[in-house]
Amino acid sequence: MDQDIRLKRLRFRAWHRGTREADLMIGGFFDTHAASWTPEQLDWFERLLEEQDVDIMGWAIGSLPCPPEWEGEMMQVMRRVDFVTIP
C-alpha cells in the first residue's frame, strides 16, 4: 500500500474511535507523532488500533496494566498528555 494512503487511513481510524475522549487521545497522538514514525512504529500503531478504546486509554492513563506487547517507547510517548489539544 502506498505510504500516503496508509497514513490517511490510519489517521481516519485514529480520529474515529467512537468517543470524543478516545478520538482526542489516539487521534492527537497520531497527528503529533506519525510524521516521524518508522515503518515498525506505524505497524505497532496499526496493530494497536485493533484493540478496544477503553483498553488503549486505560493503558495510556495507567488505570489498567499494560500488556507486554504494547509496553515500550510508543506507549510511553502516548502516556504524555502534552500532545492532546482541545479544538
PDB file of N, CA and C in Angstrom:
ATOM      1  N   MET A   1       0.850  -1.175   0.000  1.00  0.00           N
ATOM      2  CA  MET A   1       0.000   0.000   0.000  1.00  0.00           C
ATOM      3  C   MET A   1       0.899   1.243   0.000  1.00  0.00           C
ATOM      4  N   ASP A   2       0.508   2.222  -0.735  1.00  0.00           N
ATOM      5  CA  ASP A   2       1.214   3.497  -0.791  1.00  0.00           C
ATOM      6  C   ASP A   2       1.269   4.119   0.609  1.00  0.00           C
ATOM      7  N   GLN A   3       2.413   4.674   0.992  1.00  0.00           N
ATOM      8  CA  GLN A   3       2.613   5.242   2.331  1.00  0.00           C
ATOM      9  C   GLN A   3       1.620   6.359   2.629  1.00  0.00           C
ATOM     10  N   ASP A   4       1.352   7.218   1.665  1.00  0.00           N
ATOM     11  CA  ASP A   4       0.419   8.324   1.870  1.00  0.00           C
ATOM     12  C   ASP A   4      -0.991   7.806   2.150  1.00  0.00           C
ATOM     13  N   ILE A   5      -1.411   6.818   1.406  1.00  0.00           N
ATOM     14  CA  ILE A   5      -2.738   6.226   1.609  1.00  0.00           C
ATOM     15  C   ILE A   5      -2.809   5.560   2.978  1.00  0.00           C
ATOM     16  N   ARG A   6      -1.738   4.857   3.339  1.00  0.00           N
ATOM     17  CA  ARG A   6      -1.711   4.193   4.645  1.00  0.00           C
ATOM     18  C   ARG A   6      -1.853   5.226   5.774  1.00  0.00           C
ATOM     19  N   LEU A   7      -1.114   6.306   5.683  1.00  0.00           N
ATOM     20  CA  LEU A   7      -1.189   7.342   6.715  1.00  0.00           C
ATOM     21  C   LEU A   7      -2.577   7.965   6.792  1.00  0.00           C
ATOM     22  N   LYS A   8      -3.203   8.198   5.653  1.00  0.00           N
ATOM     23  CA  LYS A   8      -4.558   8.753   5.648  1.00  0.00           C
ATOM     24  C   LYS A   8      -5.556   7.800   6.295  1.00  0.00           C
ATOM     25  N   ARG A   9      -5.422   6.519   5.991  1.00  0.00           N
ATOM     26  CA  ARG A   9      -6.317   5.525   6.611  1.00  0.00           C
ATOM     27  C   ARG A   9      -6.100   5.438   8.111  1.00  0.00           C
ATOM     28  N   LEU A  10      -4.835   5.426   8.518  1.00  0.00           N
ATOM     29  CA  LEU A  10      -4.543   5.369   9.951  1.00  0.00           C
ATOM     30  C   LEU A  10      -5.051   6.617  10.665  1.00  0.00           C
ATOM     31  N   ARG A  11      -4.881   7.764  10.041  1.00  0.00           N
ATOM     32  CA  ARG A  11      -5.374   8.999  10.659  1.00  0.00           C
ATOM     33  C   ARG A  11      -6.889   8.947  10.822  1.00  0.00           C
ATOM     34  N   PHE A  12      -7.588   8.489   9.807  1.00  0.00           N
ATOM     35  CA  PHE A  12      -9.039   8.380   9.902  1.00  0.00           C
ATOM     36  C   PHE A  12      -9.422   7.446  11.047  1.00  0.00           C
ATOM     37  N   ARG A  13      -8.788   6.288  11.106  1.00  0.00           N
ATOM     38  CA  ARG A  13      -9.106   5.324  12.164  1.00  0.00           C
ATOM     39  C   ARG A  13      -8.761   5.871  13.541  1.00  0.00           C
ATOM     40  N   ALA A  14      -7.687   6.643  13.627  1.00  0.00           N
ATOM     41  CA  ALA A  14      -7.282   7.216  14.910  1.00  0.00           C
ATOM     42  C   ALA A  14      -8.283   8.258  15.403  1.00  0.00           C
ATOM     43  N   TRP A  15      -8.894   8.988  14.481  1.00  0.00           N
ATOM     44  CA  TRP A  15      -9.815  10.066  14.854  1.00  0.00           C
ATOM     45  C   TRP A  15     -11.276   9.641  14.876  1.00  0.00           C
ATOM     46  N   HIS A  16     -11.580   8.415  14.543  1.00  0.00           N
ATOM     47  CA  HIS A  16     -12.969   7.936  14.527  1.00  0.00           C
ATOM     48  C   HIS A  16     -13.088   6.678  15.377  1.00  0.00           C
ATOM     49  N   ARG A  17     -12.870   6.845  16.669  1.00  0.00           N
ATOM     50  CA  ARG A  17     -12.821   5.725  17.593  1.00  0.00           C
ATOM     51  C   ARG A  17     -14.172   5.417  18.221  1.00  0.00           C
ATOM     52  N   GLY A  18     -15.032   6.389  18.334  1.00  0.00           N
ATOM     53  CA  GLY A  18     -16.336   6.125  18.930  1.00  0.00           C
ATOM     54  C   GLY A  18     -16.676   7.044  20.084  1.00  0.00           C
ATOM     55  N   THR A  19     -15.648   7.544  20.761  1.00  0.00           N
ATOM     56  CA  THR A  19     -15.884   8.530  21.811  1.00  0.00           C
ATOM     57  C   THR A  19     -14.955   9.716  21.575  1.00  0.00           C
ATOM     58  N   ARG A  20     -15.397  10.864  22.018  1.00  0.00           N
ATOM     59  CA  ARG A  20     -14.578  12.071  21.831  1.00  0.00           C
ATOM     60  C   ARG A  20     -13.246  11.957  22.574  1.00  0.00           C
ATOM     61  N   GLU A  21     -13.288  11.368  23.770  1.00  0.00           N
ATOM     62  CA  GLU A  21     -12.071  11.221  24.563  1.00  0.00           C
ATOM     63  C   GLU A  21     -11.048  10.352  23.840  1.00  0.00           C
ATOM     64  N   ALA A  22     -11.506   9.239  23.286  1.00  0.00           N
ATOM     65  CA  ALA A  22     -10.597   8.346  22.549  1.00  0.00           C
ATOM     66  C   ALA A  22     -10.099   9.023  21.275  1.00  0.00           C
ATOM     67  N   ASP A  23     -10.988   9.740  20.601  1.00  0.00           N
ATOM     68  CA  ASP A  23     -10.569  10.476  19.402  1.00  0.00           C
ATOM     69  C   ASP A  23      -9.440  11.446  19.735  1.00  0.00           C
ATOM     70  N   LEU A  24      -9.610  12.197  20.817  1.00  0.00           N
ATOM     71  CA  LEU A  24      -8.603  13.187  21.198  1.00  0.00           C
ATOM     72  C   LEU A  24      -7.283  12.521  21.581  1.00  0.00           C
ATOM     73  N   MET A  25      -7.358  11.475  22.362  1.00  0.00           N
ATOM     74  CA  MET A  25      -6.123  10.829  22.812  1.00  0.00           C
ATOM     75  C   MET A  25      -5.412  10.125  21.660  1.00  0.00           C
ATOM     76  N   ILE A  26      -6.109   9.268  20.958  1.00  0.00           N
ATOM     77  CA  ILE A  26      -5.485   8.449  19.923  1.00  0.00           C
ATOM     78  C   ILE A  26      -5.223   9.278  18.668  1.00  0.00           C
ATOM     79  N   GLY A  27      -6.199  10.084  18.271  1.00  0.00           N
ATOM     80  CA  GLY A  27      -6.007  10.936  17.105  1.00  0.00           C
ATOM     81  C   GLY A  27      -4.951  12.003  17.337  1.00  0.00           C
ATOM     82  N   GLY A  28      -4.961  12.598  18.525  1.00  0.00           N
ATOM     83  CA  GLY A  28      -3.953  13.594  18.857  1.00  0.00           C
ATOM     84  C   GLY A  28      -2.553  13.002  18.876  1.00  0.00           C
ATOM     85  N   PHE A  29      -2.435  11.812  19.411  1.00  0.00           N
ATOM     86  CA  PHE A  29      -1.157  11.098  19.418  1.00  0.00           C
ATOM     87  C   PHE A  29      -0.674  10.879  17.988  1.00  0.00           C
ATOM     88  N   PHE A  30      -1.567  10.415  17.133  1.00  0.00           N
ATOM     89  CA  PHE A  30      -1.201  10.187  15.731  1.00  0.00           C
ATOM     90  C   PHE A  30      -0.761  11.484  15.060  1.00  0.00           C
ATOM     91  N   ASP A  31      -1.571  12.527  15.170  1.00  0.00           N
ATOM     92  CA  ASP A  31      -1.257  13.788  14.496  1.00  0.00           C
ATOM     93  C   ASP A  31       0.074  14.372  14.951  1.00  0.00           C
ATOM     94  N   THR A  32       0.363  14.238  16.213  1.00  0.00           N
ATOM     95  CA  THR A  32       1.582  14.814  16.757  1.00  0.00           C
ATOM     96  C   THR A  32       2.835  14.037  16.361  1.00  0.00           C
ATOM     97  N   HIS A  33       2.725  12.714  16.249  1.00  0.00           N
ATOM     98  CA  HIS A  33       3.937  11.905  16.126  1.00  0.00           C
ATOM     99  C   HIS A  33       4.093  11.103  14.838  1.00  0.00           C
ATOM    100  N   ALA A  34       3.052  10.853  14.115  1.00  0.00           N
ATOM    101  CA  ALA A  34       3.118   9.912  12.988  1.00  0.00           C
ATOM    102  C   ALA A  34       4.126  10.304  11.913  1.00  0.00           C
ATOM    103  N   ALA A  35       4.321  11.582  11.680  1.00  0.00           N
ATOM    104  CA  ALA A  35       5.229  12.015  10.622  1.00  0.00           C
ATOM    105  C   ALA A  35       6.663  11.549  10.854  1.00  0.00           C
ATOM    106  N   SER A  36       7.016  11.301  12.105  1.00  0.00           N
ATOM    107  CA  SER A  36       8.384  10.882  12.408  1.00  0.00           C
ATOM    108  C   SER A  36       8.512   9.387  12.682  1.00  0.00           C
ATOM    109  N   TRP A  37       7.430   8.630  12.576  1.00  0.00           N
ATOM    110  CA  TRP A  37       7.479   7.203  12.881  1.00  0.00           C
ATOM    111  C   TRP A  37       8.187   6.398  11.802  1.00  0.00           C
ATOM    112  N   THR A  38       8.854   5.366  12.248  1.00  0.00           N
ATOM    113  CA  THR A  38       9.470   4.395  11.353  1.00  0.00           C
ATOM    114  C   THR A  38       8.376   3.444  10.858  1.00  0.00           C
ATOM    115  N   PRO A  39       8.662   2.648   9.841  1.00  0.00           N
ATOM    116  CA  PRO A  39       7.672   1.654   9.409  1.00  0.00           C
ATOM    117  C   PRO A  39       7.265   0.700  10.538  1.00  0.00           C
ATOM    118  N   GLU A  40       8.205   0.345  11.397  1.00  0.00           N
ATOM    119  CA  GLU A  40       7.889  -0.548  12.519  1.00  0.00           C
ATOM    120  C   GLU A  40       6.951   0.124  13.513  1.00  0.00           C
ATOM    121  N   GLN A  41       7.153   1.417  13.745  1.00  0.00           N
ATOM    122  CA  GLN A  41       6.270   2.147  14.652  1.00  0.00           C
ATOM    123  C   GLN A  41       4.874   2.300  14.047  1.00  0.00           C
ATOM    124  N   LEU A  42       4.804   2.504  12.752  1.00  0.00           N
ATOM    125  CA  LEU A  42       3.495   2.537  12.087  1.00  0.00           C
ATOM    126  C   LEU A  42       2.794   1.196  12.210  1.00  0.00           C
ATOM    127  N   ASP A  43       3.547   0.109  12.066  1.00  0.00           N
ATOM    128  CA  ASP A  43       2.979  -1.230  12.238  1.00  0.00           C
ATOM    129  C   ASP A  43       2.415  -1.388  13.647  1.00  0.00           C
ATOM    130  N   TRP A  44       3.184  -0.940  14.653  1.00  0.00           N
ATOM    131  CA  TRP A  44       2.747  -1.023  16.047  1.00  0.00           C
ATOM    132  C   TRP A  44       1.433  -0.281  16.232  1.00  0.00           C
ATOM    133  N   PHE A  45       1.373   0.940  15.715  1.00  0.00           N
ATOM    134  CA  PHE A  45       0.167   1.751  15.864  1.00  0.00           C
ATOM    135  C   PHE A  45      -1.019   1.108  15.143  1.00  0.00           C
ATOM    136  N   GLU A  46      -0.779   0.599  13.967  1.00  0.00           N
ATOM    137  CA  GLU A  46      -1.852  -0.042  13.211  1.00  0.00           C
ATOM    138  C   GLU A  46      -2.407  -1.244  13.973  1.00  0.00           C
ATOM    139  N   ARG A  47      -1.542  -2.019  14.585  1.00  0.00           N
ATOM    140  CA  ARG A  47      -1.996  -3.160  15.404  1.00  0.00           C
ATOM    141  C   ARG A  47      -2.736  -2.667  16.649  1.00  0.00           C
ATOM    142  N   LEU A  48      -2.229  -1.589  17.249  1.00  0.00           N
ATOM    143  CA  LEU A  48      -2.868  -1.044  18.445  1.00  0.00           C
ATOM    144  C   LEU A  48      -4.315  -0.638  18.161  1.00  0.00           C
ATOM    145  N   LEU A  49      -4.563  -0.114  16.978  1.00  0.00           N
ATOM    146  CA  LEU A  49      -5.922   0.324  16.632  1.00  0.00           C
ATOM    147  C   LEU A  49      -6.931  -0.821  16.597  1.00  0.00           C
ATOM    148  N   GLU A  50      -6.453  -2.042  16.580  1.00  0.00           N
ATOM    149  CA  GLU A  50      -7.349  -3.204  16.625  1.00  0.00           C
ATOM    150  C   GLU A  50      -7.875  -3.453  18.036  1.00  0.00           C
ATOM    151  N   GLU A  51      -7.228  -2.845  19.025  1.00  0.00           N
ATOM    152  CA  GLU A  51      -7.635  -3.029  20.422  1.00  0.00           C
ATOM    153  C   GLU A  51      -8.834  -2.136  20.744  1.00  0.00           C
ATOM    154  N   GLN A  52      -9.484  -2.445  21.845  1.00  0.00           N
ATOM    155  CA  GLN A  52     -10.637  -1.665  22.297  1.00  0.00           C
ATOM    156  C   GLN A  52     -10.176  -0.312  22.839  1.00  0.00           C
ATOM    157  N   ASP A  53     -10.955   0.724  22.584  1.00  0.00           N
ATOM    158  CA  ASP A  53     -10.623   2.070  23.057  1.00  0.00           C
ATOM    159  C   ASP A  53     -10.422   2.122  24.566  1.00  0.00           C
ATOM    160  N   VAL A  54     -11.306   1.470  25.304  1.00  0.00           N
ATOM    161  CA  VAL A  54     -11.200   1.514  26.772  1.00  0.00           C
ATOM    162  C   VAL A  54      -9.884   0.907  27.234  1.00  0.00           C
ATOM    163  N   ASP A  55      -9.410  -0.112  26.532  1.00  0.00           N
ATOM    164  CA  ASP A  55      -8.127  -0.710  26.887  1.00  0.00           C
ATOM    165  C   ASP A  55      -6.974   0.227  26.552  1.00  0.00           C
ATOM    166  N   ILE A  56      -6.975   0.754  25.337  1.00  0.00           N
ATOM    167  CA  ILE A  56      -5.906   1.679  24.927  1.00  0.00           C
ATOM    168  C   ILE A  56      -5.836   2.856  25.889  1.00  0.00           C
ATOM    169  N   MET A  57      -6.961   3.439  26.188  1.00  0.00           N
ATOM    170  CA  MET A  57      -6.982   4.595  27.082  1.00  0.00           C
ATOM    171  C   MET A  57      -6.546   4.204  28.492  1.00  0.00           C
ATOM    172  N   GLY A  58      -6.984   3.044  28.951  1.00  0.00           N
ATOM    173  CA  GLY A  58      -6.588   2.565  30.279  1.00  0.00           C
ATOM    174  C   GLY A  58      -5.089   2.340  30.374  1.00  0.00           C
ATOM    175  N   TRP A  59      -4.508   1.761  29.335  1.00  0.00           N
ATOM    176  CA  TRP A  59      -3.058   1.547  29.326  1.00  0.00           C
ATOM    177  C   TRP A  59      -2.322   2.878  29.301  1.00  0.00           C
ATOM    178  N   ALA A  60      -2.849   3.827  28.531  1.00  0.00           N
ATOM    179  CA  ALA A  60      -2.180   5.118  28.373  1.00  0.00           C
ATOM    180  C   ALA A  60      -2.264   5.979  29.638  1.00  0.00           C
ATOM    181  N   ILE A  61      -3.392   5.915  30.340  1.00  0.00           N
ATOM    182  CA  ILE A  61      -3.506   6.745  31.545  1.00  0.00           C
ATOM    183  C   ILE A  61      -3.098   5.991  32.807  1.00  0.00           C
ATOM    184  N   GLY A  62      -2.835   4.705  32.668  1.00  0.00           N
ATOM    185  CA  GLY A  62      -2.346   3.919  33.794  1.00  0.00           C
ATOM    186  C   GLY A  62      -3.413   3.324  34.680  1.00  0.00           C
ATOM    187  N   SER A  63      -4.669   3.352  34.263  1.00  0.00           N
ATOM    188  CA  SER A  63      -5.722   2.756  35.081  1.00  0.00           C
ATOM    189  C   SER A  63      -5.843   1.250  34.859  1.00  0.00           C
ATOM    190  N   LEU A  64      -5.218   0.749  33.801  1.00  0.00           N
ATOM    191  CA  LEU A  64      -5.155  -0.690  33.523  1.00  0.00           C
ATOM    192  C   LEU A  64      -3.694  -1.078  33.307  1.00  0.00           C
ATOM    193  N   PRO A  65      -3.315  -2.270  33.762  1.00  0.00           N
ATOM    194  CA  PRO A  65      -1.950  -2.708  33.473  1.00  0.00           C
ATOM    195  C   PRO A  65      -1.780  -2.912  31.968  1.00  0.00           C
ATOM    196  N   CYS A  66      -0.672  -2.451  31.455  1.00  0.00           N
ATOM    197  CA  CYS A  66      -0.410  -2.540  30.018  1.00  0.00           C
ATOM    198  C   CYS A  66       0.211  -3.892  29.692  1.00  0.00           C
ATOM    199  N   PRO A  67      -0.364  -4.640  28.754  1.00  0.00           N
ATOM    200  CA  PRO A  67       0.224  -5.916  28.355  1.00  0.00           C
ATOM    201  C   PRO A  67       1.630  -5.709  27.779  1.00  0.00           C
ATOM    202  N   PRO A  68       2.498  -6.679  27.963  1.00  0.00           N
ATOM    203  CA  PRO A  68       3.887  -6.542  27.494  1.00  0.00           C
ATOM    204  C   PRO A  68       4.019  -6.215  26.012  1.00  0.00           C
ATOM    205  N   GLU A  69       3.110  -6.707  25.175  1.00  0.00           N
ATOM    206  CA  GLU A  69       3.228  -6.463  23.734  1.00  0.00           C
ATOM    207  C   GLU A  69       2.995  -4.998  23.369  1.00  0.00           C
ATOM    208  N   TRP A  70       2.383  -4.229  24.263  1.00  0.00           N
ATOM    209  CA  TRP A  70       2.126  -2.811  23.986  1.00  0.00           C
ATOM    210  C   TRP A  70       3.058  -1.893  24.767  1.00  0.00           C
ATOM    211  N   GLU A  71       3.711  -2.437  25.780  1.00  0.00           N
ATOM    212  CA  GLU A  71       4.604  -1.624  26.598  1.00  0.00           C
ATOM    213  C   GLU A  71       5.867  -1.298  25.807  1.00  0.00           C
ATOM    214  N   GLY A  72       6.362  -0.093  25.987  1.00  0.00           N
ATOM    215  CA  GLY A  72       7.585   0.315  25.306  1.00  0.00           C
ATOM    216  C   GLY A  72       7.572   1.796  25.007  1.00  0.00           C
ATOM    217  N   GLU A  73       8.484   2.209  24.150  1.00  0.00           N
ATOM    218  CA  GLU A  73       8.663   3.623  23.838  1.00  0.00           C
ATOM    219  C   GLU A  73       7.391   4.288  23.322  1.00  0.00           C
ATOM    220  N   MET A  74       6.685   3.619  22.416  1.00  0.00           N
ATOM    221  CA  MET A  74       5.480   4.223  21.836  1.00  0.00           C
ATOM    222  C   MET A  74       4.411   4.461  22.910  1.00  0.00           C
ATOM    223  N   MET A  75       4.209   3.487  23.790  1.00  0.00           N
ATOM    224  CA  MET A  75       3.215   3.654  24.844  1.00  0.00           C
ATOM    225  C   MET A  75       3.667   4.722  25.829  1.00  0.00           C
ATOM    226  N   GLN A  76       4.956   4.805  26.091  1.00  0.00           N
ATOM    227  CA  GLN A  76       5.455   5.855  26.990  1.00  0.00           C
ATOM    228  C   GLN A  76       5.163   7.236  26.420  1.00  0.00           C
ATOM    229  N   VAL A  77       5.324   7.383  25.124  1.00  0.00           N
ATOM    230  CA  VAL A  77       5.016   8.665  24.489  1.00  0.00           C
ATOM    231  C   VAL A  77       3.512   8.927  24.551  1.00  0.00           C
ATOM    232  N   MET A  78       2.717   7.892  24.341  1.00  0.00           N
ATOM    233  CA  MET A  78       1.266   8.061  24.398  1.00  0.00           C
ATOM    234  C   MET A  78       0.816   8.480  25.795  1.00  0.00           C
ATOM    235  N   ARG A  79       1.553   8.068  26.796  1.00  0.00           N
ATOM    236  CA  ARG A  79       1.191   8.413  28.172  1.00  0.00           C
ATOM    237  C   ARG A  79       1.378   9.893  28.471  1.00  0.00           C
ATOM    238  N   ARG A  80       2.138  10.569  27.675  1.00  0.00           N
ATOM    239  CA  ARG A  80       2.299  12.019  27.857  1.00  0.00           C
ATOM    240  C   ARG A  80       1.053  12.701  27.309  1.00  0.00           C
ATOM    241  N   VAL A  81       0.485  13.569  28.067  1.00  0.00           N
ATOM    242  CA  VAL A  81      -0.740  14.235  27.617  1.00  0.00           C
ATOM    243  C   VAL A  81      -0.456  15.557  26.930  1.00  0.00           C
ATOM    244  N   ASP A  82       0.809  15.917  26.760  1.00  0.00           N
ATOM    245  CA  ASP A  82       1.140  17.205  26.183  1.00  0.00           C
ATOM    246  C   ASP A  82       0.764  17.326  24.708  1.00  0.00           C
ATOM    247  N   PHE A  83       0.449  16.221  24.044  1.00  0.00           N
ATOM    248  CA  PHE A  83       0.079  16.284  22.635  1.00  0.00           C
ATOM    249  C   PHE A  83      -1.414  16.483  22.440  1.00  0.00           C
ATOM    250  N   VAL A  84      -2.214  16.351  23.474  1.00  0.00           N
ATOM    251  CA  VAL A  84      -3.667  16.454  23.336  1.00  0.00           C
ATOM    252  C   VAL A  84      -4.067  17.920  23.392  1.00  0.00           C
ATOM    253  N   THR A  85      -4.739  18.357  22.350  1.00  0.00           N
ATOM    254  CA  THR A  85      -5.281  19.712  22.332  1.00  0.00           C
ATOM    255  C   THR A  85      -6.779  19.640  22.098  1.00  0.00           C
ATOM    256  N   ILE A  86      -7.482  20.453  22.789  1.00  0.00           N
ATOM    257  CA  ILE A  86      -8.928  20.502  22.633  1.00  0.00           C
ATOM    258  C   ILE A  86      -9.243  21.546  21.555  1.00  0.00           C
ATOM    259  N   PRO A  87      -9.877  21.103  20.454  1.00  0.00           N
ATOM    260  CA  PRO A  87     -10.189  22.062  19.386  1.00  0.00           C
ATOM    261  C   PRO A  87     -11.253  23.065  19.804  1.00  0.00           C
TER     262      PRO A  87
END
